[in-house]
Amino acid sequence: MAKWSEQPRTHRGAIIGAFVGMAVGAVAVFEYASEGSIVYRYLIMSAGLLGGGAVGALLARVTAR
């Protein structure tokens, strides 16, 4: 397994973005979907994961040196 510093910049950005997206998704689940179905909770969390990963990869690509 490659070290963190040896991984491509877009991969690192995607991992960080996915973590942030899951954190935002968890807050949204506790705020808005705590009374809802488990399916809604999973949908919100997976949207946070995928959206955060995509935004993180995009930001890493745009801010490349």
C-alpha atoms as a PDB file:
ATOM      1  CA  MET A   1       0.000   0.000   0.000  1.00  0.00           C
ATOM      2  CA  ALA A   2       1.336   3.393  -0.986  1.00  0.00           C
ATOM      3  CA  LYS A   3       2.065   6.067   1.579  1.00  0.00           C
ATOM      4  CA  TRP A   4      -0.267   9.038   1.854  1.00  0.00           C
ATOM      5  CA  SER A   5       2.270  11.397   0.289  1.00  0.00           C
ATOM      6  CA  GLU A   6       2.864   9.011  -2.638  1.00  0.00           C
ATOM      7  CA  GLN A   7      -0.782   8.857  -3.680  1.00  0.00           C
ATOM      8  CA  PRO A   8      -1.983  11.139  -6.477  1.00  0.00           C
ATOM      9  CA  ARG A   9      -3.323  14.513  -5.416  1.00  0.00           C
ATOM     10  CA  THR A  10      -6.816  13.776  -6.754  1.00  0.00           C
ATOM     11  CA  HIS A  11      -7.065  10.583  -4.683  1.00  0.00           C
ATOM     12  CA  ARG A  12      -6.067  12.394  -1.530  1.00  0.00           C
ATOM     13  CA  GLY A  13      -8.576  15.158  -2.276  1.00  0.00           C
ATOM     14  CA  ALA A  14     -11.315  12.610  -2.880  1.00  0.00           C
ATOM     15  CA  ILE A  15     -10.621  10.851   0.428  1.00  0.00           C
ATOM     16  CA  ILE A  16     -10.669  14.106   2.371  1.00  0.00           C
ATOM     17  CA  GLY A  17     -13.786  15.254   0.524  1.00  0.00           C
ATOM     18  CA  ALA A  18     -15.575  11.972   1.223  1.00  0.00           C
ATOM     19  CA  PHE A  19     -14.791  12.330   4.929  1.00  0.00           C
ATOM     20  CA  VAL A  20     -16.155  15.880   4.992  1.00  0.00           C
ATOM     21  CA  GLY A  21     -19.200  14.831   2.963  1.00  0.00           C
ATOM     22  CA  MET A  22     -19.977  12.014   5.392  1.00  0.00           C
ATOM     23  CA  ALA A  23     -19.680  14.427   8.312  1.00  0.00           C
ATOM     24  CA  VAL A  24     -22.124  16.821   6.645  1.00  0.00           C
ATOM     25  CA  GLY A  25     -24.393  13.882   5.808  1.00  0.00           C
ATOM     26  CA  ALA A  26     -24.373  12.705   9.424  1.00  0.00           C
ATOM     27  CA  VAL A  27     -25.414  16.152  10.634  1.00  0.00           C
ATOM     28  CA  ALA A  28     -28.182  16.238   8.034  1.00  0.00           C
ATOM     29  CA  VAL A  29     -29.398  12.790   9.081  1.00  0.00           C
ATOM     30  CA  PHE A  30     -29.563  13.708  12.745  1.00  0.00           C
ATOM     31  CA  GLU A  31     -31.244  17.047  11.993  1.00  0.00           C
ATOM     32  CA  TYR A  32     -33.779  16.115   9.348  1.00  0.00           C
ATOM     33  CA  ALA A  33     -34.141  12.340   9.015  1.00  0.00           C
ATOM     34  CA  SER A  34     -33.964  11.066  12.572  1.00  0.00           C
ATOM     35  CA  GLU A  35     -37.668  10.184  12.495  1.00  0.00           C
ATOM     36  CA  GLY A  36     -37.561   8.805   8.955  1.00  0.00           C
ATOM     37  CA  SER A  37     -36.881   5.399   7.529  1.00  0.00           C
ATOM     38  CA  ILE A  38     -33.461   3.761   7.601  1.00  0.00           C
ATOM     39  CA  VAL A  39     -33.481   3.873   3.792  1.00  0.00           C
ATOM     40  CA  TYR A  40     -33.632   7.672   3.848  1.00  0.00           C
ATOM     41  CA  ARG A  41     -30.729   7.792   6.270  1.00  0.00           C
ATOM     42  CA  TYR A  42     -28.625   5.554   4.044  1.00  0.00           C
ATOM     43  CA  LEU A  43     -29.501   7.632   0.978  1.00  0.00           C
ATOM     44  CA  ILE A  44     -28.460  10.856   2.686  1.00  0.00           C
ATOM     45  CA  MET A  45     -25.204   9.357   3.962  1.00  0.00           C
ATOM     46  CA  SER A  46     -24.329   7.827   0.586  1.00  0.00           C
ATOM     47  CA  ALA A  47     -25.095  11.126  -1.149  1.00  0.00           C
ATOM     48  CA  GLY A  48     -22.720  12.832   1.291  1.00  0.00           C
ATOM     49  CA  LEU A  49     -20.035  10.246   0.603  1.00  0.00           C
ATOM     50  CA  LEU A  50     -20.292  10.414  -3.181  1.00  0.00           C
ATOM     51  CA  GLY A  51     -20.824  14.162  -3.372  1.00  0.00           C
ATOM     52  CA  GLY A  52     -18.002  14.927  -0.984  1.00  0.00           C
ATOM     53  CA  GLY A  53     -15.637  12.616  -2.833  1.00  0.00           C
ATOM     54  CA  ALA A  54     -16.480  14.228  -6.163  1.00  0.00           C
ATOM     55  CA  VAL A  55     -16.095  17.763  -4.813  1.00  0.00           C
ATOM     56  CA  GLY A  56     -12.805  16.847  -3.128  1.00  0.00           C
ATOM     57  CA  ALA A  57     -11.396  15.355  -6.319  1.00  0.00           C
ATOM     58  CA  LEU A  58     -12.572  18.366  -8.324  1.00  0.00           C
ATOM     59  CA  LEU A  59     -11.001  20.831  -5.891  1.00  0.00           C
ATOM     60  CA  ALA A  60      -7.737  18.871  -5.904  1.00  0.00           C
ATOM     61  CA  ARG A  61      -7.690  18.929  -9.694  1.00  0.00           C
ATOM     62  CA  VAL A  62      -8.525  22.639  -9.935  1.00  0.00           C
ATOM     63  CA  THR A  63      -5.990  23.728  -7.318  1.00  0.00           C
ATOM     64  CA  ALA A  64      -3.152  21.615  -8.722  1.00  0.00           C
ATOM     65  CA  ARG A  65       0.169  23.391  -8.993  1.00  0.00           C
END
